[in-house]
Amino acid sequence: MSHRCRLALLAAVVVTAAGAAAAQSAVPSRGQTLYELHCIGCHTTQMHWRANRRATDWATLRDQVQRWQATAQLNWHAEDIDEVARHLNDTIYRFERPPRPIAGVAPPAAR
């Protein structure tokens, strides 16, 4: 195989890998999907920036997601509530939050 063919093949691989990475990053998170399906219909993201918002830290943000999903009778699991709270935190609030638990490892307080 000539040097040019190798370079062309390498370039094609790099372009394909870059395209695959971009496609993966475009996939919405579960939290984003749940928020867009169930929450955005009643309010836009503008409400999160209002002066008298009730979410003032990670715990109160999660509490508000819990409260509103219950009001809407969505019956979300704790993981769904966490995912929507994480989506809102990652895109709007930026509160310090606890790390995601590692499967099979109890949190320090529970040990």
PDB file of N, CA and C in Angstrom:
ATOM      1  N   MET A   1       0.856  -1.170   0.000  1.00  0.00           N
ATOM      2  CA  MET A   1       0.000   0.000   0.000  1.00  0.00           C
ATOM      3  C   MET A   1       0.899   1.229   0.000  1.00  0.00           C
ATOM      4  N   SER A   2       0.584   2.152  -0.872  1.00  0.00           N
ATOM      5  CA  SER A   2       1.430   3.337  -0.990  1.00  0.00           C
ATOM      6  C   SER A   2       1.238   4.254   0.221  1.00  0.00           C
ATOM      7  N   HIS A   3       2.179   5.166   0.372  1.00  0.00           N
ATOM      8  CA  HIS A   3       2.139   6.131   1.470  1.00  0.00           C
ATOM      9  C   HIS A   3       0.867   6.977   1.400  1.00  0.00           C
ATOM     10  N   ARG A   4       0.488   7.387   0.183  1.00  0.00           N
ATOM     11  CA  ARG A   4      -0.725   8.204   0.009  1.00  0.00           C
ATOM     12  C   ARG A   4      -1.968   7.435   0.405  1.00  0.00           C
ATOM     13  N   CYS A   5      -2.032   6.172   0.042  1.00  0.00           N
ATOM     14  CA  CYS A   5      -3.192   5.343   0.393  1.00  0.00           C
ATOM     15  C   CYS A   5      -3.304   5.193   1.906  1.00  0.00           C
ATOM     16  N   ARG A   6      -2.162   4.996   2.555  1.00  0.00           N
ATOM     17  CA  ARG A   6      -2.172   4.881   4.019  1.00  0.00           C
ATOM     18  C   ARG A   6      -2.650   6.165   4.670  1.00  0.00           C
ATOM     19  N   LEU A   7      -2.173   7.299   4.170  1.00  0.00           N
ATOM     20  CA  LEU A   7      -2.604   8.585   4.708  1.00  0.00           C
ATOM     21  C   LEU A   7      -4.100   8.811   4.480  1.00  0.00           C
ATOM     22  N   ALA A   8      -4.577   8.453   3.295  1.00  0.00           N
ATOM     23  CA  ALA A   8      -6.005   8.613   2.999  1.00  0.00           C
ATOM     24  C   ALA A   8      -6.842   7.714   3.906  1.00  0.00           C
ATOM     25  N   LEU A   9      -6.396   6.498   4.117  1.00  0.00           N
ATOM     26  CA  LEU A   9      -7.104   5.570   5.000  1.00  0.00           C
ATOM     27  C   LEU A   9      -7.102   6.088   6.436  1.00  0.00           C
ATOM     28  N   LEU A  10      -5.972   6.573   6.899  1.00  0.00           N
ATOM     29  CA  LEU A  10      -5.868   7.128   8.242  1.00  0.00           C
ATOM     30  C   LEU A  10      -6.794   8.337   8.397  1.00  0.00           C
ATOM     31  N   ALA A  11      -6.825   9.200   7.401  1.00  0.00           N
ATOM     32  CA  ALA A  11      -7.702  10.372   7.444  1.00  0.00           C
ATOM     33  C   ALA A  11      -9.163   9.946   7.504  1.00  0.00           C
ATOM     34  N   ALA A  12      -9.532   8.932   6.741  1.00  0.00           N
ATOM     35  CA  ALA A  12     -10.911   8.440   6.748  1.00  0.00           C
ATOM     36  C   ALA A  12     -11.286   7.885   8.119  1.00  0.00           C
ATOM     37  N   VAL A  13     -10.375   7.173   8.745  1.00  0.00           N
ATOM     38  CA  VAL A  13     -10.625   6.622  10.080  1.00  0.00           C
ATOM     39  C   VAL A  13     -10.808   7.746  11.092  1.00  0.00           C
ATOM     40  N   VAL A  14      -9.958   8.758  11.038  1.00  0.00           N
ATOM     41  CA  VAL A  14     -10.047   9.888  11.966  1.00  0.00           C
ATOM     42  C   VAL A  14     -11.370  10.626  11.786  1.00  0.00           C
ATOM     43  N   VAL A  15     -11.761  10.886  10.548  1.00  0.00           N
ATOM     44  CA  VAL A  15     -13.021  11.587  10.270  1.00  0.00           C
ATOM     45  C   VAL A  15     -14.203  10.759  10.752  1.00  0.00           C
ATOM     46  N   THR A  16     -14.178   9.462  10.514  1.00  0.00           N
ATOM     47  CA  THR A  16     -15.265   8.583  10.959  1.00  0.00           C
ATOM     48  C   THR A  16     -15.357   8.561  12.477  1.00  0.00           C
ATOM     49  N   ALA A  17     -14.234   8.474  13.164  1.00  0.00           N
ATOM     50  CA  ALA A  17     -14.216   8.463  14.631  1.00  0.00           C
ATOM     51  C   ALA A  17     -14.725   9.789  15.185  1.00  0.00           C
ATOM     52  N   ALA A  18     -14.330  10.891  14.578  1.00  0.00           N
ATOM     53  CA  ALA A  18     -14.790  12.209  15.029  1.00  0.00           C
ATOM     54  C   ALA A  18     -16.293  12.337  14.836  1.00  0.00           C
ATOM     55  N   GLY A  19     -16.806  11.845  13.722  1.00  0.00           N
ATOM     56  CA  GLY A  19     -18.250  11.892  13.469  1.00  0.00           C
ATOM     57  C   GLY A  19     -19.020  11.044  14.458  1.00  0.00           C
ATOM     58  N   ALA A  20     -18.495   9.881  14.806  1.00  0.00           N
ATOM     59  CA  ALA A  20     -19.155   9.011  15.777  1.00  0.00           C
ATOM     60  C   ALA A  20     -19.180   9.660  17.159  1.00  0.00           C
ATOM     61  N   ALA A  21     -18.085  10.311  17.539  1.00  0.00           N
ATOM     62  CA  ALA A  21     -18.034  10.986  18.838  1.00  0.00           C
ATOM     63  C   ALA A  21     -19.029  12.135  18.885  1.00  0.00           C
ATOM     64  N   ALA A  22     -19.142  12.884  17.804  1.00  0.00           N
ATOM     65  CA  ALA A  22     -20.100  13.993  17.751  1.00  0.00           C
ATOM     66  C   ALA A  22     -21.522  13.470  17.825  1.00  0.00           C
ATOM     67  N   ALA A  23     -21.809  12.368  17.169  1.00  0.00           N
ATOM     68  CA  ALA A  23     -23.154  11.790  17.201  1.00  0.00           C
ATOM     69  C   ALA A  23     -23.499  11.315  18.610  1.00  0.00           C
ATOM     70  N   GLN A  24     -22.545  10.731  19.317  1.00  0.00           N
ATOM     71  CA  GLN A  24     -22.792  10.272  20.674  1.00  0.00           C
ATOM     72  C   GLN A  24     -23.071  11.435  21.603  1.00  0.00           C
ATOM     73  N   SER A  25     -22.367  12.538  21.464  1.00  0.00           N
ATOM     74  CA  SER A  25     -22.568  13.669  22.351  1.00  0.00           C
ATOM     75  C   SER A  25     -23.893  14.373  22.069  1.00  0.00           C
ATOM     76  N   ALA A  26     -24.473  14.157  20.894  1.00  0.00           N
ATOM     77  CA  ALA A  26     -25.742  14.778  20.540  1.00  0.00           C
ATOM     78  C   ALA A  26     -26.928  14.021  21.132  1.00  0.00           C
ATOM     79  N   VAL A  27     -26.715  12.816  21.637  1.00  0.00           N
ATOM     80  CA  VAL A  27     -27.784  12.029  22.230  1.00  0.00           C
ATOM     81  C   VAL A  27     -28.153  12.658  23.572  1.00  0.00           C
ATOM     82  N   PRO A  28     -29.436  13.021  23.761  1.00  0.00           N
ATOM     83  CA  PRO A  28     -29.822  13.651  25.023  1.00  0.00           C
ATOM     84  C   PRO A  28     -29.736  12.665  26.190  1.00  0.00           C
ATOM     85  N   SER A  29     -29.457  13.191  27.364  1.00  0.00           N
ATOM     86  CA  SER A  29     -29.407  12.357  28.564  1.00  0.00           C
ATOM     87  C   SER A  29     -30.832  11.949  28.944  1.00  0.00           C
ATOM     88  N   ARG A  30     -30.952  10.966  29.796  1.00  0.00           N
ATOM     89  CA  ARG A  30     -32.276  10.549  30.289  1.00  0.00           C
ATOM     90  C   ARG A  30     -32.952  11.711  31.005  1.00  0.00           C
ATOM     91  N   GLY A  31     -32.192  12.456  31.798  1.00  0.00           N
ATOM     92  CA  GLY A  31     -32.754  13.597  32.509  1.00  0.00           C
ATOM     93  C   GLY A  31     -33.291  14.657  31.562  1.00  0.00           C
ATOM     94  N   GLN A  32     -32.544  14.939  30.504  1.00  0.00           N
ATOM     95  CA  GLN A  32     -33.000  15.915  29.514  1.00  0.00           C
ATOM     96  C   GLN A  32     -34.274  15.428  28.838  1.00  0.00           C
ATOM     97  N   THR A  33     -34.302  14.158  28.470  1.00  0.00           N
ATOM     98  CA  THR A  33     -35.466  13.595  27.803  1.00  0.00           C
ATOM     99  C   THR A  33     -36.699  13.673  28.702  1.00  0.00           C
ATOM    100  N   LEU A  34     -36.563  13.266  29.960  1.00  0.00           N
ATOM    101  CA  LEU A  34     -37.696  13.328  30.889  1.00  0.00           C
ATOM    102  C   LEU A  34     -38.165  14.765  31.089  1.00  0.00           C
ATOM    103  N   TYR A  35     -37.222  15.686  31.249  1.00  0.00           N
ATOM    104  CA  TYR A  35     -37.566  17.093  31.439  1.00  0.00           C
ATOM    105  C   TYR A  35     -38.324  17.630  30.223  1.00  0.00           C
ATOM    106  N   GLU A  36     -37.826  17.338  29.037  1.00  0.00           N
ATOM    107  CA  GLU A  36     -38.465  17.849  27.829  1.00  0.00           C
ATOM    108  C   GLU A  36     -39.832  17.218  27.590  1.00  0.00           C
ATOM    109  N   LEU A  37     -40.003  15.953  27.959  1.00  0.00           N
ATOM    110  CA  LEU A  37     -41.287  15.284  27.762  1.00  0.00           C
ATOM    111  C   LEU A  37     -42.342  15.702  28.789  1.00  0.00           C
ATOM    112  N   HIS A  38     -41.925  15.934  30.023  1.00  0.00           N
ATOM    113  CA  HIS A  38     -42.901  16.101  31.095  1.00  0.00           C
ATOM    114  C   HIS A  38     -42.919  17.470  31.763  1.00  0.00           C
ATOM    115  N   CYS A  39     -41.878  18.261  31.621  1.00  0.00           N
ATOM    116  CA  CYS A  39     -41.790  19.497  32.402  1.00  0.00           C
ATOM    117  C   CYS A  39     -41.896  20.761  31.559  1.00  0.00           C
ATOM    118  N   ILE A  40     -41.251  20.757  30.429  1.00  0.00           N
ATOM    119  CA  ILE A  40     -41.140  21.979  29.637  1.00  0.00           C
ATOM    120  C   ILE A  40     -42.494  22.438  29.088  1.00  0.00           C
ATOM    121  N   GLY A  41     -43.475  21.551  29.061  1.00  0.00           N
ATOM    122  CA  GLY A  41     -44.801  21.924  28.589  1.00  0.00           C
ATOM    123  C   GLY A  41     -45.485  22.942  29.478  1.00  0.00           C
ATOM    124  N   CYS A  42     -45.158  22.939  30.762  1.00  0.00           N
ATOM    125  CA  CYS A  42     -45.788  23.875  31.709  1.00  0.00           C
ATOM    126  C   CYS A  42     -44.932  25.109  31.976  1.00  0.00           C
ATOM    127  N   HIS A  43     -43.656  25.002  31.753  1.00  0.00           N
ATOM    128  CA  HIS A  43     -42.787  26.162  31.947  1.00  0.00           C
ATOM    129  C   HIS A  43     -41.528  26.037  31.105  1.00  0.00           C
ATOM    130  N   THR A  44     -40.996  27.166  30.765  1.00  0.00           N
ATOM    131  CA  THR A  44     -39.752  27.181  30.003  1.00  0.00           C
ATOM    132  C   THR A  44     -38.586  27.247  30.978  1.00  0.00           C
ATOM    133  N   THR A  45     -37.394  27.141  30.463  1.00  0.00           N
ATOM    134  CA  THR A  45     -36.220  27.224  31.336  1.00  0.00           C
ATOM    135  C   THR A  45     -36.087  28.601  31.980  1.00  0.00           C
ATOM    136  N   GLN A  46     -36.796  29.612  31.465  1.00  0.00           N
ATOM    137  CA  GLN A  46     -36.737  30.957  32.056  1.00  0.00           C
ATOM    138  C   GLN A  46     -37.146  30.946  33.523  1.00  0.00           C
ATOM    139  N   MET A  47     -38.061  30.062  33.905  1.00  0.00           N
ATOM    140  CA  MET A  47     -38.500  30.048  35.297  1.00  0.00           C
ATOM    141  C   MET A  47     -37.362  29.700  36.252  1.00  0.00           C
ATOM    142  N   HIS A  48     -36.357  29.002  35.775  1.00  0.00           N
ATOM    143  CA  HIS A  48     -35.238  28.624  36.631  1.00  0.00           C
ATOM    144  C   HIS A  48     -34.333  29.809  36.954  1.00  0.00           C
ATOM    145  N   TRP A  49     -34.457  30.867  36.186  1.00  0.00           N
ATOM    146  CA  TRP A  49     -33.610  32.039  36.399  1.00  0.00           C
ATOM    147  C   TRP A  49     -34.325  33.153  37.158  1.00  0.00           C
ATOM    148  N   ARG A  50     -35.559  32.925  37.579  1.00  0.00           N
ATOM    149  CA  ARG A  50     -36.305  33.976  38.268  1.00  0.00           C
ATOM    150  C   ARG A  50     -35.653  34.291  39.615  1.00  0.00           C
ATOM    151  N   ALA A  51     -35.910  35.468  40.117  1.00  0.00           N
ATOM    152  CA  ALA A  51     -35.268  35.940  41.345  1.00  0.00           C
ATOM    153  C   ALA A  51     -35.695  35.136  42.574  1.00  0.00           C
ATOM    154  N   ASN A  52     -36.936  34.702  42.638  1.00  0.00           N
ATOM    155  CA  ASN A  52     -37.419  34.007  43.837  1.00  0.00           C
ATOM    156  C   ASN A  52     -37.503  32.488  43.637  1.00  0.00           C
ATOM    157  N   ARG A  53     -36.533  31.919  42.957  1.00  0.00           N
ATOM    158  CA  ARG A  53     -36.550  30.477  42.730  1.00  0.00           C
ATOM    159  C   ARG A  53     -36.369  29.733  44.048  1.00  0.00           C
ATOM    160  N   ARG A  54     -36.957  28.556  44.116  1.00  0.00           N
ATOM    161  CA  ARG A  54     -36.914  27.757  45.348  1.00  0.00           C
ATOM    162  C   ARG A  54     -35.701  26.843  45.427  1.00  0.00           C
ATOM    163  N   ALA A  55     -35.068  26.576  44.322  1.00  0.00           N
ATOM    164  CA  ALA A  55     -33.868  25.745  44.324  1.00  0.00           C
ATOM    165  C   ALA A  55     -32.669  26.640  44.618  1.00  0.00           C
ATOM    166  N   THR A  56     -32.062  26.408  45.760  1.00  0.00           N
ATOM    167  CA  THR A  56     -30.925  27.235  46.178  1.00  0.00           C
ATOM    168  C   THR A  56     -29.644  26.419  46.351  1.00  0.00           C
ATOM    169  N   ASP A  57     -29.753  25.100  46.272  1.00  0.00           N
ATOM    170  CA  ASP A  57     -28.608  24.200  46.347  1.00  0.00           C
ATOM    171  C   ASP A  57     -29.042  22.857  45.766  1.00  0.00           C
ATOM    172  N   TRP A  58     -28.118  21.894  45.737  1.00  0.00           N
ATOM    173  CA  TRP A  58     -28.425  20.594  45.140  1.00  0.00           C
ATOM    174  C   TRP A  58     -29.621  19.933  45.812  1.00  0.00           C
ATOM    175  N   ALA A  59     -29.668  19.933  47.125  1.00  0.00           N
ATOM    176  CA  ALA A  59     -30.752  19.245  47.844  1.00  0.00           C
ATOM    177  C   ALA A  59     -32.115  19.864  47.536  1.00  0.00           C
ATOM    178  N   THR A  60     -32.190  21.192  47.523  1.00  0.00           N
ATOM    179  CA  THR A  60     -33.486  21.820  47.239  1.00  0.00           C
ATOM    180  C   THR A  60     -33.865  21.683  45.760  1.00  0.00           C
ATOM    181  N   LEU A  61     -32.885  21.619  44.878  1.00  0.00           N
ATOM    182  CA  LEU A  61     -33.185  21.366  43.464  1.00  0.00           C
ATOM    183  C   LEU A  61     -33.809  19.984  43.314  1.00  0.00           C
ATOM    184  N   ARG A  62     -33.192  18.993  43.927  1.00  0.00           N
ATOM    185  CA  ARG A  62     -33.731  17.633  43.855  1.00  0.00           C
ATOM    186  C   ARG A  62     -35.116  17.566  44.492  1.00  0.00           C
ATOM    187  N   ASP A  63     -35.302  18.270  45.614  1.00  0.00           N
ATOM    188  CA  ASP A  63     -36.611  18.314  46.274  1.00  0.00           C
ATOM    189  C   ASP A  63     -37.681  18.903  45.360  1.00  0.00           C
ATOM    190  N   GLN A  64     -37.326  19.947  44.611  1.00  0.00           N
ATOM    191  CA  GLN A  64     -38.287  20.569  43.693  1.00  0.00           C
ATOM    192  C   GLN A  64     -38.650  19.623  42.544  1.00  0.00           C
ATOM    193  N   VAL A  65     -37.669  18.902  42.024  1.00  0.00           N
ATOM    194  CA  VAL A  65     -37.968  17.917  40.983  1.00  0.00           C
ATOM    195  C   VAL A  65     -38.896  16.845  41.552  1.00  0.00           C
ATOM    196  N   GLN A  66     -38.593  16.378  42.755  1.00  0.00           N
ATOM    197  CA  GLN A  66     -39.441  15.374  43.427  1.00  0.00           C
ATOM    198  C   GLN A  66     -40.858  15.919  43.595  1.00  0.00           C
ATOM    199  N   ARG A  67     -40.963  17.132  44.063  1.00  0.00           N
ATOM    200  CA  ARG A  67     -42.274  17.751  44.322  1.00  0.00           C
ATOM    201  C   ARG A  67     -43.100  17.852  43.041  1.00  0.00           C
ATOM    202  N   TRP A  68     -42.500  18.366  41.985  1.00  0.00           N
ATOM    203  CA  TRP A  68     -43.261  18.599  40.761  1.00  0.00           C
ATOM    204  C   TRP A  68     -43.591  17.314  40.023  1.00  0.00           C
ATOM    205  N   GLN A  69     -42.740  16.311  40.099  1.00  0.00           N
ATOM    206  CA  GLN A  69     -43.101  15.046  39.459  1.00  0.00           C
ATOM    207  C   GLN A  69     -44.249  14.395  40.219  1.00  0.00           C
ATOM    208  N   ALA A  70     -44.296  14.578  41.536  1.00  0.00           N
ATOM    209  CA  ALA A  70     -45.421  14.045  42.320  1.00  0.00           C
ATOM    210  C   ALA A  70     -46.702  14.800  41.997  1.00  0.00           C
ATOM    211  N   THR A  71     -46.598  16.136  41.884  1.00  0.00           N
ATOM    212  CA  THR A  71     -47.763  16.950  41.530  1.00  0.00           C
ATOM    213  C   THR A  71     -48.326  16.525  40.174  1.00  0.00           C
ATOM    214  N   ALA A  72     -47.445  16.231  39.241  1.00  0.00           N
ATOM    215  CA  ALA A  72     -47.858  15.801  37.901  1.00  0.00           C
ATOM    216  C   ALA A  72     -48.214  14.314  37.854  1.00  0.00           C
ATOM    217  N   GLN A  73     -48.085  13.628  38.972  1.00  0.00           N
ATOM    218  CA  GLN A  73     -48.384  12.196  39.095  1.00  0.00           C
ATOM    219  C   GLN A  73     -47.619  11.356  38.071  1.00  0.00           C
ATOM    220  N   LEU A  74     -46.319  11.627  37.994  1.00  0.00           N
ATOM    221  CA  LEU A  74     -45.467  10.919  37.044  1.00  0.00           C
ATOM    222  C   LEU A  74     -44.939   9.599  37.599  1.00  0.00           C
ATOM    223  N   ASN A  75     -44.940   9.452  38.921  1.00  0.00           N
ATOM    224  CA  ASN A  75     -44.470   8.221  39.567  1.00  0.00           C
ATOM    225  C   ASN A  75     -43.057   7.830  39.162  1.00  0.00           C
ATOM    226  N   TRP A  76     -42.172   8.836  39.120  1.00  0.00           N
ATOM    227  CA  TRP A  76     -40.785   8.567  38.772  1.00  0.00           C
ATOM    228  C   TRP A  76     -40.083   7.831  39.893  1.00  0.00           C
ATOM    229  N   HIS A  77     -39.108   7.032  39.516  1.00  0.00           N
ATOM    230  CA  HIS A  77     -38.220   6.388  40.484  1.00  0.00           C
ATOM    231  C   HIS A  77     -37.182   7.418  40.935  1.00  0.00           C
ATOM    232  N   ALA A  78     -36.500   7.127  42.030  1.00  0.00           N
ATOM    233  CA  ALA A  78     -35.471   8.032  42.556  1.00  0.00           C
ATOM    234  C   ALA A  78     -34.405   8.328  41.506  1.00  0.00           C
ATOM    235  N   GLU A  79     -34.060   7.335  40.683  1.00  0.00           N
ATOM    236  CA  GLU A  79     -33.048   7.535  39.641  1.00  0.00           C
ATOM    237  C   GLU A  79     -33.518   8.557  38.612  1.00  0.00           C
ATOM    238  N   ASP A  80     -34.805   8.529  38.276  1.00  0.00           N
ATOM    239  CA  ASP A  80     -35.345   9.495  37.318  1.00  0.00           C
ATOM    240  C   ASP A  80     -35.289  10.909  37.890  1.00  0.00           C
ATOM    241  N   ILE A  81     -35.655  11.040  39.147  1.00  0.00           N
ATOM    242  CA  ILE A  81     -35.603  12.347  39.819  1.00  0.00           C
ATOM    243  C   ILE A  81     -34.170  12.857  39.835  1.00  0.00           C
ATOM    244  N   ASP A  82     -33.236  11.984  40.176  1.00  0.00           N
ATOM    245  CA  ASP A  82     -31.819  12.364  40.179  1.00  0.00           C
ATOM    246  C   ASP A  82     -31.360  12.793  38.790  1.00  0.00           C
ATOM    247  N   GLU A  83     -31.765  12.059  37.761  1.00  0.00           N
ATOM    248  CA  GLU A  83     -31.337  12.384  36.397  1.00  0.00           C
ATOM    249  C   GLU A  83     -31.875  13.736  35.940  1.00  0.00           C
ATOM    250  N   VAL A  84     -33.128  14.048  36.246  1.00  0.00           N
ATOM    251  CA  VAL A  84     -33.691  15.343  35.859  1.00  0.00           C
ATOM    252  C   VAL A  84     -33.002  16.456  36.659  1.00  0.00           C
ATOM    253  N   ALA A  85     -32.786  16.227  37.950  1.00  0.00           N
ATOM    254  CA  ALA A  85     -32.083  17.226  38.762  1.00  0.00           C
ATOM    255  C   ALA A  85     -30.671  17.436  38.229  1.00  0.00           C
ATOM    256  N   ARG A  86     -29.980  16.377  37.848  1.00  0.00           N
ATOM    257  CA  ARG A  86     -28.630  16.501  37.278  1.00  0.00           C
ATOM    258  C   ARG A  86     -28.666  17.283  35.970  1.00  0.00           C
ATOM    259  N   HIS A  87     -29.655  16.997  35.124  1.00  0.00           N
ATOM    260  CA  HIS A  87     -29.778  17.736  33.866  1.00  0.00           C
ATOM    261  C   HIS A  87     -29.959  19.227  34.144  1.00  0.00           C
ATOM    262  N   LEU A  88     -30.864  19.572  35.042  1.00  0.00           N
ATOM    263  CA  LEU A  88     -31.091  20.983  35.366  1.00  0.00           C
ATOM    264  C   LEU A  88     -29.843  21.607  35.982  1.00  0.00           C
ATOM    265  N   ASN A  89     -29.183  20.855  36.833  1.00  0.00           N
ATOM    266  CA  ASN A  89     -27.979  21.382  37.466  1.00  0.00           C
ATOM    267  C   ASN A  89     -26.852  21.587  36.452  1.00  0.00           C
ATOM    268  N   ASP A  90     -26.689  20.633  35.553  1.00  0.00           N
ATOM    269  CA  ASP A  90     -25.622  20.727  34.549  1.00  0.00           C
ATOM    270  C   ASP A  90     -25.873  21.845  33.544  1.00  0.00           C
ATOM    271  N   THR A  91     -27.131  22.124  33.241  1.00  0.00           N
ATOM    272  CA  THR A  91     -27.448  23.107  32.209  1.00  0.00           C
ATOM    273  C   THR A  91     -27.818  24.479  32.744  1.00  0.00           C
ATOM    274  N   ILE A  92     -28.228  24.570  34.014  1.00  0.00           N
ATOM    275  CA  ILE A  92     -28.711  25.853  34.534  1.00  0.00           C
ATOM    276  C   ILE A  92     -28.077  26.233  35.864  1.00  0.00           C
ATOM    277  N   TYR A  93     -28.271  25.423  36.885  1.00  0.00           N
ATOM    278  CA  TYR A  93     -27.965  25.843  38.252  1.00  0.00           C
ATOM    279  C   TYR A  93     -26.489  25.802  38.626  1.00  0.00           C
ATOM    280  N   ARG A  94     -25.810  24.727  38.314  1.00  0.00           N
ATOM    281  CA  ARG A  94     -24.386  24.553  38.626  1.00  0.00           C
ATOM    282  C   ARG A  94     -24.088  24.511  40.133  1.00  0.00           C
ATOM    283  N   PHE A  95     -24.997  23.913  40.901  1.00  0.00           N
ATOM    284  CA  PHE A  95     -24.762  23.731  42.332  1.00  0.00           C
ATOM    285  C   PHE A  95     -23.748  22.615  42.535  1.00  0.00           C
ATOM    286  N   GLU A  96     -23.024  22.675  43.645  1.00  0.00           N
ATOM    287  CA  GLU A  96     -22.154  21.556  44.000  1.00  0.00           C
ATOM    288  C   GLU A  96     -23.068  20.386  44.332  1.00  0.00           C
ATOM    289  N   ARG A  97     -22.717  19.225  43.837  1.00  0.00           N
ATOM    290  CA  ARG A  97     -23.583  18.072  44.059  1.00  0.00           C
ATOM    291  C   ARG A  97     -22.765  16.878  44.493  1.00  0.00           C
ATOM    292  N   PRO A  98     -23.438  15.948  45.144  1.00  0.00           N
ATOM    293  CA  PRO A  98     -22.713  14.742  45.554  1.00  0.00           C
ATOM    294  C   PRO A  98     -22.353  13.907  44.339  1.00  0.00           C
ATOM    295  N   PRO A  99     -21.290  13.122  44.421  1.00  0.00           N
ATOM    296  CA  PRO A  99     -20.917  12.273  43.289  1.00  0.00           C
ATOM    297  C   PRO A  99     -21.956  11.173  43.091  1.00  0.00           C
ATOM    298  N   ARG A 100     -21.994  10.633  41.868  1.00  0.00           N
ATOM    299  CA  ARG A 100     -22.887   9.499  41.607  1.00  0.00           C
ATOM    300  C   ARG A 100     -22.389   8.306  42.410  1.00  0.00           C
ATOM    301  N   PRO A 101     -23.312   7.549  42.990  1.00  0.00           N
ATOM    302  CA  PRO A 101     -22.879   6.359  43.728  1.00  0.00           C
ATOM    303  C   PRO A 101     -22.306   5.314  42.768  1.00  0.00           C
ATOM    304  N   ILE A 102     -21.352   4.552  43.264  1.00  0.00           N
ATOM    305  CA  ILE A 102     -20.764   3.473  42.484  1.00  0.00           C
ATOM    306  C   ILE A 102     -21.531   2.203  42.818  1.00  0.00           C
ATOM    307  N   ALA A 103     -21.993   1.508  41.814  1.00  0.00           N
ATOM    308  CA  ALA A 103     -22.784   0.293  42.017  1.00  0.00           C
ATOM    309  C   ALA A 103     -22.037  -0.684  42.916  1.00  0.00           C
ATOM    310  N   GLY A 104     -22.735  -1.167  43.926  1.00  0.00           N
ATOM    311  CA  GLY A 104     -22.156  -2.157  44.825  1.00  0.00           C
ATOM    312  C   GLY A 104     -21.315  -1.599  45.945  1.00  0.00           C
ATOM    313  N   VAL A 105     -21.147  -0.281  45.996  1.00  0.00           N
ATOM    314  CA  VAL A 105     -20.344   0.330  47.052  1.00  0.00           C
ATOM    315  C   VAL A 105     -21.259   1.221  47.887  1.00  0.00           C
ATOM    316  N   ALA A 106     -21.334   0.922  49.170  1.00  0.00           N
ATOM    317  CA  ALA A 106     -22.192   1.718  50.059  1.00  0.00           C
ATOM    318  C   ALA A 106     -21.557   3.082  50.300  1.00  0.00           C
ATOM    319  N   PRO A 107     -22.393   4.145  50.398  1.00  0.00           N
ATOM    320  CA  PRO A 107     -21.843   5.477  50.710  1.00  0.00           C
ATOM    321  C   PRO A 107     -21.164   5.460  52.070  1.00  0.00           C
ATOM    322  N   PRO A 108     -20.211   6.354  52.330  1.00  0.00           N
ATOM    323  CA  PRO A 108     -19.464   6.347  53.588  1.00  0.00           C
ATOM    324  C   PRO A 108     -20.345   6.345  54.821  1.00  0.00           C
ATOM    325  N   ALA A 109     -21.445   7.091  54.828  1.00  0.00           N
ATOM    326  CA  ALA A 109     -22.324   7.173  56.000  1.00  0.00           C
ATOM    327  C   ALA A 109     -23.009   5.840  56.288  1.00  0.00           C
ATOM    328  N   ALA A 110     -23.193   4.991  55.271  1.00  0.00           N
ATOM    329  CA  ALA A 110     -23.892   3.733  55.441  1.00  0.00           C
ATOM    330  C   ALA A 110     -22.967   2.587  55.794  1.00  0.00           C
ATOM    331  N   ARG A 111     -21.679   2.822  55.765  1.00  0.00           N
ATOM    332  CA  ARG A 111     -20.713   1.727  56.042  1.00  0.00           C
ATOM    333  C   ARG A 111     -20.599   1.445  57.514  1.00  0.00           C
TER     334      ARG A 111
END
